[in-house]
Structures are given as C-alpha cells and as structure tokens.
C-alpha cells in the first residue's frame, strides 16, 4: 500500500531491538520516538517515553528472543512495563510489534500438569494494557489467536521465501516439504504462493517426526520429490535436529537439491551441526532474531538472511490507513 504515515503515530523500540525498530520506522517514513531506558542494580527496569504520546497510536517493537545481553524474560518484562507506561501517559492505542514471540511453542499440554505458557503470556500483555499484538510466524497460528482477547495480527514469511526462490527458478522443478505434520499449513502456504508465481505445479511432501527425550525419529515420508529441488519450510531452527532429519528423508526419496527456509534463526550452539554437516544446500532465515557472532561466518555461503522490517512497516501502514491485512496474514 502506497503512502507515508503522518505524525499522529509514534514508533518506539527498546535498546535490545533498536536496530530493527529503526529499520521499521525508516520504512514508514518516520524516526524512532525518544524514550528513556534504565537498568538498575539487581536487574530492575525503567522505561518511559520522553515525548508526548497522549491521544496517539503507538507501536512498540521488541523481539523477545534472549541472547547474551538479556533473556527472553528480560525482553518480555521490559516490553510489558513500557506498554504500561505508554498507556499511563495517555496513548490512545498501543500495539506490541513482536518479530519473535517467546513461549509461543508452549501452547498446549503434552504431559500431565504442563503449563500452557502462551496463554499466560497473553494475559500479561492484556494486563499491561496492550490493545493489539502483531507477531511474525508464531509456532501455532490458531493457538496465538485463541490465547489473546485483544486484537492479534499474524504476519507470515511465506511471500519473502517465495520471492527468494523465484529469483532462481528457471528450469527448476520444485517441491515443498514440512519437517513435521504440525507445520503443514505453513509449508502449504509457500507451495501455493510458489505455484501461483511460477504458473506450474509444485509438489508437496510431509516428513513424520517423533521427539522423545530430545531424540528425533520417524520414518514416514509422504510425497514425490525425486529429481526436484526441495524447500523444507519451518517456523524456526533451534538445534537443527528436526531439519537434519527432514533433509535426510528428502535425500533418500531422491531430492536433487534441498534448501531450508525457516523464519526465526533461534540457533542453539548445536545448530552448528546443521551447517557443518554438508547436508543442506542453503539455509534461508529472516532477521527476526539477531544473528549471533558464532553463526555470522556462514553468511555469504550456506546462510542467507532476509529483512522483515518492510513487512512490519507495511502492516503498520495498513493498520493506520484501514487497508487489508489478509495478504500479509496469509488468510
């Protein structure tokens, strides 16, 4: 949607996400609004706006992925406290823009007495005064929508992945695969967009996965990938174990090439095995999570990072101008 935003909105970003926030603000033609941020002895936080937000529509951008400078809990608490301060300062509406939503995988009980932490986090956002939560590629879209009573907007990475692979699609027959049944809808979306963009069929495959005590297993493979370039689509890469299992399954089924496209680069140290294994032909992620120094060495080789700030900027434009979000949300 064309058009710059006027000065009736404010965009803030705590220090942990200042770079990403500045990119979003620049993409909508604004500067980041000014705020004060202090961390006291003992780890307590203070965040407050230092310019007026009374009567304004306010967006706060904060990834909730933890790193050496702060945990997911640190990121979450500082965001919640800032939302509360903005509402107390008279903000008309506060939207939390969360490139990576912590605790999104803990969305259901898989064992007796398990916490449903996604729901608890939703209550925290609501208690702090958030009017809307805008997140990128959560683990389970239905669980995300159902956990929150405030408005939710779910952005997807599928259009970004599709454009990337279409750039080198001449003479290539594709297949899209999901590394587990739970992610089938996410992978289907990439398949549908790729088919529409290329104007030819794109096959689909499902790899069965069972995880027990950290061990991934499962031998079921459904789909036709022989002689094709396979794109394995997932929401995140942590240890890389799931993706490695799916790559092996695709190779055994006759895949000509296997690429991995995962939205969040939440790489644990064990993920080095993915890059050092020689198994994927490429790994594509977004910058929803800042890439650690340990993995920057793979850039320009196996690893490619796509910027998602323009997607957030477009969502903000549409929210403010009353434009349709269905394309961005994949609905």
C-alpha atoms as a PDB file:
ATOM      1  CA  UNK A   1       0.000   0.000   0.000  1.00  0.00           C
ATOM      2  CA  UNK A   2       1.427   3.367  -1.001  1.00  0.00           C
ATOM      3  CA  UNK A   3       1.587   6.402   1.208  1.00  0.00           C
ATOM      4  CA  UNK A   4       3.660   7.625   4.102  1.00  0.00           C
ATOM      5  CA  UNK A   5       2.306   7.858   7.631  1.00  0.00           C
ATOM      6  CA  UNK A   6       1.709  11.223   9.237  1.00  0.00           C
ATOM      7  CA  UNK A   7       2.977  12.296  12.638  1.00  0.00           C
ATOM      8  CA  UNK A   8      -0.115  11.080  14.505  1.00  0.00           C
ATOM      9  CA  UNK A   9       1.652   7.839  15.382  1.00  0.00           C
ATOM     10  CA  UNK A  10       4.764   7.061  17.400  1.00  0.00           C
ATOM     11  CA  UNK A  11       7.134   4.127  16.954  1.00  0.00           C
ATOM     12  CA  UNK A  12       9.349   3.098  19.866  1.00  0.00           C
ATOM     13  CA  UNK A  13      11.964   0.373  20.165  1.00  0.00           C
ATOM     14  CA  UNK A  14      13.762  -0.595  23.392  1.00  0.00           C
ATOM     15  CA  UNK A  15      17.544  -0.809  23.122  1.00  0.00           C
ATOM     16  CA  UNK A  16      17.573  -4.572  22.523  1.00  0.00           C
ATOM     17  CA  UNK A  17      15.638  -4.080  19.266  1.00  0.00           C
ATOM     18  CA  UNK A  18      16.722  -0.546  18.369  1.00  0.00           C
ATOM     19  CA  UNK A  19      18.307  -1.509  15.055  1.00  0.00           C
ATOM     20  CA  UNK A  20      15.290  -3.453  13.847  1.00  0.00           C
ATOM     21  CA  UNK A  21      12.949  -0.735  15.119  1.00  0.00           C
ATOM     22  CA  UNK A  22      14.890   1.987  13.284  1.00  0.00           C
ATOM     23  CA  UNK A  23      14.557  -0.009  10.059  1.00  0.00           C
ATOM     24  CA  UNK A  24      10.784  -0.269  10.522  1.00  0.00           C
ATOM     25  CA  UNK A  25      10.429   3.420  11.333  1.00  0.00           C
ATOM     26  CA  UNK A  26      12.525   4.407   8.316  1.00  0.00           C
ATOM     27  CA  UNK A  27      10.434   2.169   6.053  1.00  0.00           C
ATOM     28  CA  UNK A  28       7.269   4.067   7.029  1.00  0.00           C
ATOM     29  CA  UNK A  29       8.979   7.465   6.748  1.00  0.00           C
ATOM     30  CA  UNK A  30       9.280   8.229  10.458  1.00  0.00           C
ATOM     31  CA  UNK A  31      12.019   8.378  13.078  1.00  0.00           C
ATOM     32  CA  UNK A  32      12.013   6.334  16.249  1.00  0.00           C
ATOM     33  CA  UNK A  33      10.349   8.195  19.100  1.00  0.00           C
ATOM     34  CA  UNK A  34      12.594   9.032  22.055  1.00  0.00           C
ATOM     35  CA  UNK A  35      12.455   7.159  25.332  1.00  0.00           C
ATOM     36  CA  UNK A  36      14.479   6.673  28.494  1.00  0.00           C
ATOM     37  CA  UNK A  37      15.635   3.185  29.420  1.00  0.00           C
ATOM     38  CA  UNK A  38      17.427   2.301  32.641  1.00  0.00           C
ATOM     39  CA  UNK A  39      18.520  -0.977  34.188  1.00  0.00           C
ATOM     40  CA  UNK A  40      19.156  -0.770  37.917  1.00  0.00           C
ATOM     41  CA  UNK A  41      21.363  -2.852  40.187  1.00  0.00           C
ATOM     42  CA  UNK A  42      19.595  -6.170  40.647  1.00  0.00           C
ATOM     43  CA  UNK A  43      18.178  -6.118  37.112  1.00  0.00           C
ATOM     44  CA  UNK A  44      15.061  -3.978  37.556  1.00  0.00           C
ATOM     45  CA  UNK A  45      13.877  -1.931  34.562  1.00  0.00           C
ATOM     46  CA  UNK A  46      12.567   1.539  33.942  1.00  0.00           C
ATOM     47  CA  UNK A  47      11.303   2.599  30.520  1.00  0.00           C
ATOM     48  CA  UNK A  48       9.328   5.748  29.778  1.00  0.00           C
ATOM     49  CA  UNK A  49       8.574   7.917  26.758  1.00  0.00           C
ATOM     50  CA  UNK A  50      10.275  11.305  26.817  1.00  0.00           C
ATOM     51  CA  UNK A  51       7.983  12.826  24.229  1.00  0.00           C
ATOM     52  CA  UNK A  52       4.210  13.115  24.395  1.00  0.00           C
ATOM     53  CA  UNK A  53       2.109  10.133  23.336  1.00  0.00           C
ATOM     54  CA  UNK A  54      -1.234  11.446  24.557  1.00  0.00           C
ATOM     55  CA  UNK A  55      -4.000  10.576  22.119  1.00  0.00           C
ATOM     56  CA  UNK A  56      -1.584   8.868  19.737  1.00  0.00           C
ATOM     57  CA  UNK A  57      -1.435   5.431  18.145  1.00  0.00           C
ATOM     58  CA  UNK A  58       1.799   3.904  19.447  1.00  0.00           C
ATOM     59  CA  UNK A  59       3.821   0.947  18.177  1.00  0.00           C
ATOM     60  CA  UNK A  60       6.495  -0.680  20.338  1.00  0.00           C
ATOM     61  CA  UNK A  61       8.908  -3.004  18.548  1.00  0.00           C
ATOM     62  CA  UNK A  62      10.688  -5.657  20.601  1.00  0.00           C
ATOM     63  CA  UNK A  63      11.894  -9.160  19.709  1.00  0.00           C
ATOM     64  CA  UNK A  64      11.510 -11.484  22.676  1.00  0.00           C
ATOM     65  CA  UNK A  65      14.396 -13.779  21.822  1.00  0.00           C
ATOM     66  CA  UNK A  66      17.014 -13.946  24.539  1.00  0.00           C
ATOM     67  CA  UNK A  67      20.741 -13.565  23.964  1.00  0.00           C
ATOM     68  CA  UNK A  68      23.900 -12.762  25.916  1.00  0.00           C
ATOM     69  CA  UNK A  69      22.668  -9.250  26.702  1.00  0.00           C
ATOM     70  CA  UNK A  70      19.325 -10.344  28.128  1.00  0.00           C
ATOM     71  CA  UNK A  71      16.957 -13.284  28.436  1.00  0.00           C
ATOM     72  CA  UNK A  72      13.523 -13.697  26.881  1.00  0.00           C
ATOM     73  CA  UNK A  73      12.103 -12.850  30.297  1.00  0.00           C
ATOM     74  CA  UNK A  74      14.115  -9.598  30.373  1.00  0.00           C
ATOM     75  CA  UNK A  75      12.801  -8.670  26.935  1.00  0.00           C
ATOM     76  CA  UNK A  76       9.237  -9.560  27.876  1.00  0.00           C
ATOM     77  CA  UNK A  77       9.239  -7.670  31.175  1.00  0.00           C
ATOM     78  CA  UNK A  78      10.771  -4.528  29.687  1.00  0.00           C
ATOM     79  CA  UNK A  79       8.201  -4.567  26.877  1.00  0.00           C
ATOM     80  CA  UNK A  80       5.285  -5.058  29.270  1.00  0.00           C
ATOM     81  CA  UNK A  81       6.474  -2.274  31.586  1.00  0.00           C
ATOM     82  CA  UNK A  82       6.906   0.076  28.629  1.00  0.00           C
ATOM     83  CA  UNK A  83       3.394  -0.706  27.374  1.00  0.00           C
ATOM     84  CA  UNK A  84       2.037   0.129  30.819  1.00  0.00           C
ATOM     85  CA  UNK A  85       3.965   3.404  30.934  1.00  0.00           C
ATOM     86  CA  UNK A  86       2.675   4.382  27.497  1.00  0.00           C
ATOM     87  CA  UNK A  87      -0.934   3.718  28.469  1.00  0.00           C
ATOM     88  CA  UNK A  88      -0.475   5.650  31.713  1.00  0.00           C
ATOM     89  CA  UNK A  89       0.928   8.516  29.610  1.00  0.00           C
ATOM     90  CA  UNK A  90      -2.300   8.742  27.625  1.00  0.00           C
ATOM     91  CA  UNK A  91      -1.572   6.703  24.488  1.00  0.00           C
ATOM     92  CA  UNK A  92      -4.825   6.090  22.627  1.00  0.00           C
ATOM     93  CA  UNK A  93      -3.757   2.666  21.373  1.00  0.00           C
ATOM     94  CA  UNK A  94      -0.604   0.602  21.949  1.00  0.00           C
ATOM     95  CA  UNK A  95       0.421  -2.137  19.536  1.00  0.00           C
ATOM     96  CA  UNK A  96       3.169  -4.541  20.555  1.00  0.00           C
ATOM     97  CA  UNK A  97       5.160  -5.484  17.440  1.00  0.00           C
ATOM     98  CA  UNK A  98       6.942  -8.734  18.218  1.00  0.00           C
ATOM     99  CA  UNK A  99       9.186 -10.199  15.493  1.00  0.00           C
ATOM    100  CA  UNK A 100       9.818 -13.221  17.722  1.00  0.00           C
ATOM    101  CA  UNK A 101       7.198 -14.170  20.335  1.00  0.00           C
ATOM    102  CA  UNK A 102       8.705 -16.014  23.285  1.00  0.00           C
ATOM    103  CA  UNK A 103       6.848 -19.012  24.728  1.00  0.00           C
ATOM    104  CA  UNK A 104       4.816 -19.492  21.536  1.00  0.00           C
ATOM    105  CA  UNK A 105       5.779 -23.187  21.418  1.00  0.00           C
ATOM    106  CA  UNK A 106       4.278 -23.850  24.856  1.00  0.00           C
ATOM    107  CA  UNK A 107       0.741 -23.606  23.511  1.00  0.00           C
ATOM    108  CA  UNK A 108      -0.774 -26.877  24.753  1.00  0.00           C
ATOM    109  CA  UNK A 109      -0.292 -29.653  27.291  1.00  0.00           C
ATOM    110  CA  UNK A 110       1.752 -32.615  26.085  1.00  0.00           C
ATOM    111  CA  UNK A 111       2.214 -34.142  29.539  1.00  0.00           C
ATOM    112  CA  UNK A 112       0.310 -34.074  32.807  1.00  0.00           C
ATOM    113  CA  UNK A 113       0.391 -30.703  34.598  1.00  0.00           C
ATOM    114  CA  UNK A 114       2.197 -28.939  31.730  1.00  0.00           C
ATOM    115  CA  UNK A 115       1.822 -25.132  31.699  1.00  0.00           C
ATOM    116  CA  UNK A 116       0.080 -23.518  28.739  1.00  0.00           C
ATOM    117  CA  UNK A 117       2.501 -20.616  28.804  1.00  0.00           C
ATOM    118  CA  UNK A 118       1.306 -18.970  25.585  1.00  0.00           C
ATOM    119  CA  UNK A 119      -1.988 -18.247  27.336  1.00  0.00           C
ATOM    120  CA  UNK A 120      -0.253 -16.858  30.423  1.00  0.00           C
ATOM    121  CA  UNK A 121       1.879 -14.529  28.291  1.00  0.00           C
ATOM    122  CA  UNK A 122      -1.269 -13.324  26.535  1.00  0.00           C
ATOM    123  CA  UNK A 123      -2.776 -12.397  29.892  1.00  0.00           C
ATOM    124  CA  UNK A 124       0.335 -10.402  30.763  1.00  0.00           C
ATOM    125  CA  UNK A 125       0.064  -8.367  27.555  1.00  0.00           C
ATOM    126  CA  UNK A 126      -3.602  -7.677  28.240  1.00  0.00           C
ATOM    127  CA  UNK A 127      -2.955  -6.738  31.891  1.00  0.00           C
ATOM    128  CA  UNK A 128      -0.231  -4.296  30.829  1.00  0.00           C
ATOM    129  CA  UNK A 129      -2.700  -2.575  28.506  1.00  0.00           C
ATOM    130  CA  UNK A 130      -1.747  -3.792  25.029  1.00  0.00           C
ATOM    131  CA  UNK A 131      -4.556  -3.115  22.569  1.00  0.00           C
ATOM    132  CA  UNK A 132      -3.041  -5.211  19.793  1.00  0.00           C
ATOM    133  CA  UNK A 133      -0.229  -7.744  19.349  1.00  0.00           C
ATOM    134  CA  UNK A 134       1.432  -8.017  15.951  1.00  0.00           C
ATOM    135  CA  UNK A 135       3.717 -11.053  15.625  1.00  0.00           C
ATOM    136  CA  UNK A 136       5.671 -12.802  12.905  1.00  0.00           C
ATOM    137  CA  UNK A 137       5.235 -16.508  12.177  1.00  0.00           C
ATOM    138  CA  UNK A 138       4.227 -17.897  15.545  1.00  0.00           C
ATOM    139  CA  UNK A 139       4.514 -21.637  16.136  1.00  0.00           C
ATOM    140  CA  UNK A 140       0.760 -22.246  16.060  1.00  0.00           C
ATOM    141  CA  UNK A 141      -1.450 -19.587  14.488  1.00  0.00           C
ATOM    142  CA  UNK A 142      -4.694 -20.925  15.989  1.00  0.00           C
ATOM    143  CA  UNK A 143      -3.220 -21.069  19.491  1.00  0.00           C
ATOM    144  CA  UNK A 144      -1.927 -17.493  19.105  1.00  0.00           C
ATOM    145  CA  UNK A 145      -5.316 -16.160  18.001  1.00  0.00           C
ATOM    146  CA  UNK A 146      -7.180 -18.050  20.711  1.00  0.00           C
ATOM    147  CA  UNK A 147      -4.832 -17.140  23.576  1.00  0.00           C
ATOM    148  CA  UNK A 148      -5.321 -13.379  23.254  1.00  0.00           C
ATOM    149  CA  UNK A 149      -8.503 -11.459  23.951  1.00  0.00           C
ATOM    150  CA  UNK A 150      -7.030  -8.278  22.456  1.00  0.00           C
ATOM    151  CA  UNK A 151      -6.631  -7.900  18.689  1.00  0.00           C
ATOM    152  CA  UNK A 152      -3.961 -10.078  17.086  1.00  0.00           C
ATOM    153  CA  UNK A 153      -2.236  -9.694  13.722  1.00  0.00           C
ATOM    154  CA  UNK A 154      -0.144 -12.583  12.429  1.00  0.00           C
ATOM    155  CA  UNK A 155       2.450 -11.870   9.736  1.00  0.00           C
ATOM    156  CA  UNK A 156       3.949 -14.639   7.626  1.00  0.00           C
ATOM    157  CA  UNK A 157       7.289 -15.098   5.927  1.00  0.00           C
ATOM    158  CA  UNK A 158       5.937 -17.161   3.017  1.00  0.00           C
ATOM    159  CA  UNK A 159       5.866 -14.255   0.498  1.00  0.00           C
ATOM    160  CA  UNK A 160       9.502 -13.426   1.307  1.00  0.00           C
ATOM    161  CA  UNK A 161      10.579 -17.035   0.855  1.00  0.00           C
ATOM    162  CA  UNK A 162       8.644 -17.292  -2.397  1.00  0.00           C
ATOM    163  CA  UNK A 163      10.280 -14.219  -3.919  1.00  0.00           C
ATOM    164  CA  UNK A 164      13.711 -15.515  -2.929  1.00  0.00           C
ATOM    165  CA  UNK A 165      13.291 -18.880  -4.625  1.00  0.00           C
ATOM    166  CA  UNK A 166      11.525 -17.477  -7.692  1.00  0.00           C
ATOM    167  CA  UNK A 167      14.651 -15.432  -8.448  1.00  0.00           C
ATOM    168  CA  UNK A 168      16.442 -18.651  -9.473  1.00  0.00           C
ATOM    169  CA  UNK A 169      13.512 -20.747 -10.696  1.00  0.00           C
ATOM    170  CA  UNK A 170      14.177 -21.031 -14.423  1.00  0.00           C
ATOM    171  CA  UNK A 171      14.154 -24.670 -15.486  1.00  0.00           C
ATOM    172  CA  UNK A 172      13.777 -25.871 -11.887  1.00  0.00           C
ATOM    173  CA  UNK A 173      11.091 -28.282 -10.708  1.00  0.00           C
ATOM    174  CA  UNK A 174      10.239 -27.594  -7.073  1.00  0.00           C
ATOM    175  CA  UNK A 175       8.736 -29.461  -4.148  1.00  0.00           C
ATOM    176  CA  UNK A 176       7.945 -28.009  -0.730  1.00  0.00           C
ATOM    177  CA  UNK A 177       8.241 -30.170   2.386  1.00  0.00           C
ATOM    178  CA  UNK A 178       7.238 -29.791   6.020  1.00  0.00           C
ATOM    179  CA  UNK A 179       9.507 -31.448   8.627  1.00  0.00           C
ATOM    180  CA  UNK A 180       6.504 -32.340  10.785  1.00  0.00           C
ATOM    181  CA  UNK A 181       2.752 -32.623  10.375  1.00  0.00           C
ATOM    182  CA  UNK A 182       2.099 -29.681  12.700  1.00  0.00           C
ATOM    183  CA  UNK A 183       3.805 -27.296  10.263  1.00  0.00           C
ATOM    184  CA  UNK A 184       1.922 -28.494   7.178  1.00  0.00           C
ATOM    185  CA  UNK A 185      -0.218 -25.350   6.823  1.00  0.00           C
ATOM    186  CA  UNK A 186       2.883 -23.133   6.880  1.00  0.00           C
ATOM    187  CA  UNK A 187       4.607 -25.170   4.170  1.00  0.00           C
ATOM    188  CA  UNK A 188       1.384 -25.400   2.125  1.00  0.00           C
ATOM    189  CA  UNK A 189       1.277 -21.624   2.035  1.00  0.00           C
ATOM    190  CA  UNK A 190       4.748 -21.480   0.449  1.00  0.00           C
ATOM    191  CA  UNK A 191       3.721 -24.187  -2.020  1.00  0.00           C
ATOM    192  CA  UNK A 192       0.593 -22.256  -3.039  1.00  0.00           C
ATOM    193  CA  UNK A 193       2.449 -18.974  -3.490  1.00  0.00           C
ATOM    194  CA  UNK A 194       5.250 -20.656  -5.421  1.00  0.00           C
ATOM    195  CA  UNK A 195       2.771 -22.376  -7.750  1.00  0.00           C
ATOM    196  CA  UNK A 196       0.960 -19.107  -8.394  1.00  0.00           C
ATOM    197  CA  UNK A 197       4.199 -17.221  -9.063  1.00  0.00           C
ATOM    198  CA  UNK A 198       5.677 -19.869 -11.364  1.00  0.00           C
ATOM    199  CA  UNK A 199       2.477 -20.904 -13.089  1.00  0.00           C
ATOM    200  CA  UNK A 200       3.305 -24.593 -12.786  1.00  0.00           C
ATOM    201  CA  UNK A 201       2.761 -27.391 -10.258  1.00  0.00           C
ATOM    202  CA  UNK A 202       4.897 -27.594  -7.121  1.00  0.00           C
ATOM    203  CA  UNK A 203       4.841 -30.911  -5.291  1.00  0.00           C
ATOM    204  CA  UNK A 204       4.292 -31.266  -1.567  1.00  0.00           C
ATOM    205  CA  UNK A 205       5.809 -33.668   0.965  1.00  0.00           C
ATOM    206  CA  UNK A 206       5.396 -34.424   4.657  1.00  0.00           C
ATOM    207  CA  UNK A 207       8.097 -35.905   6.882  1.00  0.00           C
ATOM    208  CA  UNK A 208       6.890 -37.649  10.015  1.00  0.00           C
ATOM    209  CA  UNK A 209       8.655 -36.641  13.235  1.00  0.00           C
ATOM    210  CA  UNK A 210       8.592 -38.014  16.742  1.00  0.00           C
ATOM    211  CA  UNK A 211      10.567 -36.352  19.518  1.00  0.00           C
ATOM    212  CA  UNK A 212      11.321 -38.252  22.723  1.00  0.00           C
ATOM    213  CA  UNK A 213      13.848 -37.011  25.318  1.00  0.00           C
ATOM    214  CA  UNK A 214      15.450 -34.750  22.707  1.00  0.00           C
ATOM    215  CA  UNK A 215      15.796 -37.528  20.101  1.00  0.00           C
ATOM    216  CA  UNK A 216      14.036 -37.007  16.762  1.00  0.00           C
ATOM    217  CA  UNK A 217      12.885 -40.106  14.899  1.00  0.00           C
ATOM    218  CA  UNK A 218      10.233 -41.250  12.433  1.00  0.00           C
ATOM    219  CA  UNK A 219      10.392 -42.973   9.063  1.00  0.00           C
ATOM    220  CA  UNK A 220       7.135 -41.938   7.390  1.00  0.00           C
ATOM    221  CA  UNK A 221       7.607 -39.873   4.227  1.00  0.00           C
ATOM    222  CA  UNK A 222       4.693 -38.891   2.007  1.00  0.00           C
ATOM    223  CA  UNK A 223       5.145 -37.015  -1.269  1.00  0.00           C
ATOM    224  CA  UNK A 224       7.017 -37.036  -4.558  1.00  0.00           C
ATOM    225  CA  UNK A 225      10.353 -35.197  -4.537  1.00  0.00           C
ATOM    226  CA  UNK A 226      12.529 -37.308  -6.820  1.00  0.00           C
ATOM    227  CA  UNK A 227      14.626 -35.171  -9.174  1.00  0.00           C
ATOM    228  CA  UNK A 228      13.271 -31.949  -7.667  1.00  0.00           C
ATOM    229  CA  UNK A 229      14.631 -29.038  -5.693  1.00  0.00           C
ATOM    230  CA  UNK A 230      13.030 -29.376  -2.264  1.00  0.00           C
ATOM    231  CA  UNK A 231      12.368 -26.464   0.072  1.00  0.00           C
ATOM    232  CA  UNK A 232      11.920 -27.538   3.694  1.00  0.00           C
ATOM    233  CA  UNK A 233       9.804 -24.890   5.449  1.00  0.00           C
ATOM    234  CA  UNK A 234       9.675 -24.431   9.232  1.00  0.00           C
ATOM    235  CA  UNK A 235       8.963 -21.637  11.699  1.00  0.00           C
ATOM    236  CA  UNK A 236      12.364 -21.774  13.410  1.00  0.00           C
ATOM    237  CA  UNK A 237      15.656 -23.574  13.702  1.00  0.00           C
ATOM    238  CA  UNK A 238      16.887 -24.254  17.207  1.00  0.00           C
ATOM    239  CA  UNK A 239      19.283 -27.213  17.394  1.00  0.00           C
ATOM    240  CA  UNK A 240      18.671 -28.103  13.746  1.00  0.00           C
ATOM    241  CA  UNK A 241      17.903 -31.730  14.599  1.00  0.00           C
ATOM    242  CA  UNK A 242      14.420 -31.657  13.064  1.00  0.00           C
ATOM    243  CA  UNK A 243      15.681 -30.089   9.851  1.00  0.00           C
ATOM    244  CA  UNK A 244      18.566 -32.545   9.534  1.00  0.00           C
ATOM    245  CA  UNK A 245      16.129 -35.440   9.893  1.00  0.00           C
ATOM    246  CA  UNK A 246      13.924 -33.961   7.165  1.00  0.00           C
ATOM    247  CA  UNK A 247      16.899 -33.367   4.845  1.00  0.00           C
ATOM    248  CA  UNK A 248      17.950 -36.996   5.189  1.00  0.00           C
ATOM    249  CA  UNK A 249      14.412 -38.152   4.388  1.00  0.00           C
ATOM    250  CA  UNK A 250      14.255 -35.960   1.269  1.00  0.00           C
ATOM    251  CA  UNK A 251      17.648 -37.193   0.060  1.00  0.00           C
ATOM    252  CA  UNK A 252      16.561 -40.813   0.465  1.00  0.00           C
ATOM    253  CA  UNK A 253      13.432 -40.017  -1.566  1.00  0.00           C
ATOM    254  CA  UNK A 254      15.587 -38.783  -4.461  1.00  0.00           C
ATOM    255  CA  UNK A 255      15.667 -34.995  -3.978  1.00  0.00           C
ATOM    256  CA  UNK A 256      18.056 -33.280  -6.367  1.00  0.00           C
ATOM    257  CA  UNK A 257      18.731 -30.372  -4.009  1.00  0.00           C
ATOM    258  CA  UNK A 258      17.475 -29.498  -0.516  1.00  0.00           C
ATOM    259  CA  UNK A 259      17.105 -25.923   0.747  1.00  0.00           C
ATOM    260  CA  UNK A 260      15.853 -24.905   4.185  1.00  0.00           C
ATOM    261  CA  UNK A 261      13.650 -21.862   4.821  1.00  0.00           C
ATOM    262  CA  UNK A 262      12.914 -21.066   8.475  1.00  0.00           C
ATOM    263  CA  UNK A 263      11.577 -17.749   9.736  1.00  0.00           C
ATOM    264  CA  UNK A 264      13.406 -17.478  13.042  1.00  0.00           C
ATOM    265  CA  UNK A 265      17.147 -18.114  13.376  1.00  0.00           C
ATOM    266  CA  UNK A 266      16.939 -19.084  17.042  1.00  0.00           C
ATOM    267  CA  UNK A 267      20.169 -21.034  16.684  1.00  0.00           C
ATOM    268  CA  UNK A 268      21.383 -23.000  19.688  1.00  0.00           C
ATOM    269  CA  UNK A 269      25.087 -23.940  19.727  1.00  0.00           C
ATOM    270  CA  UNK A 270      24.101 -27.399  18.461  1.00  0.00           C
ATOM    271  CA  UNK A 271      22.884 -25.796  15.215  1.00  0.00           C
ATOM    272  CA  UNK A 272      26.491 -25.692  14.019  1.00  0.00           C
ATOM    273  CA  UNK A 273      25.937 -29.348  13.129  1.00  0.00           C
ATOM    274  CA  UNK A 274      23.384 -28.295  10.525  1.00  0.00           C
ATOM    275  CA  UNK A 275      25.852 -26.018   8.750  1.00  0.00           C
ATOM    276  CA  UNK A 276      28.878 -28.274   9.167  1.00  0.00           C
ATOM    277  CA  UNK A 277      27.076 -31.449   8.080  1.00  0.00           C
ATOM    278  CA  UNK A 278      27.242 -30.691   4.349  1.00  0.00           C
ATOM    279  CA  UNK A 279      23.596 -31.759   4.052  1.00  0.00           C
ATOM    280  CA  UNK A 280      21.613 -28.579   3.245  1.00  0.00           C
ATOM    281  CA  UNK A 281      22.376 -26.753   0.004  1.00  0.00           C
ATOM    282  CA  UNK A 282      21.279 -23.478   1.569  1.00  0.00           C
ATOM    283  CA  UNK A 283      19.606 -22.112   4.706  1.00  0.00           C
ATOM    284  CA  UNK A 284      17.308 -19.087   4.465  1.00  0.00           C
ATOM    285  CA  UNK A 285      16.136 -17.176   7.559  1.00  0.00           C
ATOM    286  CA  UNK A 286      14.823 -13.716   8.436  1.00  0.00           C
ATOM    287  CA  UNK A 287      16.312 -11.131  10.781  1.00  0.00           C
ATOM    288  CA  UNK A 288      13.506 -11.515  13.339  1.00  0.00           C
ATOM    289  CA  UNK A 289      16.267 -12.771  15.649  1.00  0.00           C
ATOM    290  CA  UNK A 290      19.635 -11.021  15.621  1.00  0.00           C
ATOM    291  CA  UNK A 291      22.254 -13.389  14.256  1.00  0.00           C
ATOM    292  CA  UNK A 292      24.899 -14.328  16.799  1.00  0.00           C
ATOM    293  CA  UNK A 293      28.576 -13.896  16.033  1.00  0.00           C
ATOM    294  CA  UNK A 294      29.027 -17.671  16.084  1.00  0.00           C
ATOM    295  CA  UNK A 295      26.848 -18.034  13.002  1.00  0.00           C
ATOM    296  CA  UNK A 296      27.816 -14.901  11.059  1.00  0.00           C
ATOM    297  CA  UNK A 297      30.671 -16.868   9.488  1.00  0.00           C
ATOM    298  CA  UNK A 298      28.127 -18.802   7.413  1.00  0.00           C
ATOM    299  CA  UNK A 299      26.757 -15.644   5.759  1.00  0.00           C
ATOM    300  CA  UNK A 300      27.540 -15.384   2.075  1.00  0.00           C
ATOM    301  CA  UNK A 301      27.834 -19.161   1.880  1.00  0.00           C
ATOM    302  CA  UNK A 302      25.198 -21.519   3.198  1.00  0.00           C
ATOM    303  CA  UNK A 303      23.269 -18.860   5.122  1.00  0.00           C
ATOM    304  CA  UNK A 304      21.108 -16.016   3.758  1.00  0.00           C
ATOM    305  CA  UNK A 305      19.184 -13.532   5.921  1.00  0.00           C
ATOM    306  CA  UNK A 306      16.092 -11.711   4.610  1.00  0.00           C
ATOM    307  CA  UNK A 307      14.944  -8.446   6.214  1.00  0.00           C
ATOM    308  CA  UNK A 308      11.394  -8.394   7.580  1.00  0.00           C
ATOM    309  CA  UNK A 309      11.263  -4.735   8.654  1.00  0.00           C
ATOM    310  CA  UNK A 310       9.475  -3.831   5.364  1.00  0.00           C
ATOM    311  CA  UNK A 311       6.769  -6.400   6.202  1.00  0.00           C
ATOM    312  CA  UNK A 312       6.194  -4.840   9.617  1.00  0.00           C
ATOM    313  CA  UNK A 313       6.204  -1.382   8.071  1.00  0.00           C
ATOM    314  CA  UNK A 314       3.571  -2.415   5.531  1.00  0.00           C
ATOM    315  CA  UNK A 315       1.418  -3.898   8.285  1.00  0.00           C
ATOM    316  CA  UNK A 316       1.608  -0.624  10.238  1.00  0.00           C
ATOM    317  CA  UNK A 317       0.653   1.346   7.111  1.00  0.00           C
ATOM    318  CA  UNK A 318      -2.368  -0.843   6.523  1.00  0.00           C
ATOM    319  CA  UNK A 319      -3.447  -0.725  10.150  1.00  0.00           C
ATOM    320  CA  UNK A 320      -3.286   3.072  10.157  1.00  0.00           C
ATOM    321  CA  UNK A 321      -4.865   3.558   6.708  1.00  0.00           C
ATOM    322  CA  UNK A 322      -7.554   0.897   7.129  1.00  0.00           C
ATOM    323  CA  UNK A 323      -6.032  -1.324   4.443  1.00  0.00           C
ATOM    324  CA  UNK A 324      -6.500  -5.077   4.118  1.00  0.00           C
ATOM    325  CA  UNK A 325      -4.226  -7.306   6.163  1.00  0.00           C
ATOM    326  CA  UNK A 326      -5.374 -10.598   4.637  1.00  0.00           C
ATOM    327  CA  UNK A 327      -2.468 -10.794   2.199  1.00  0.00           C
ATOM    328  CA  UNK A 328       0.125 -10.204   4.914  1.00  0.00           C
ATOM    329  CA  UNK A 329      -1.598 -12.625   7.288  1.00  0.00           C
ATOM    330  CA  UNK A 330      -1.961 -15.369   4.707  1.00  0.00           C
ATOM    331  CA  UNK A 331      -5.762 -15.513   5.039  1.00  0.00           C
END
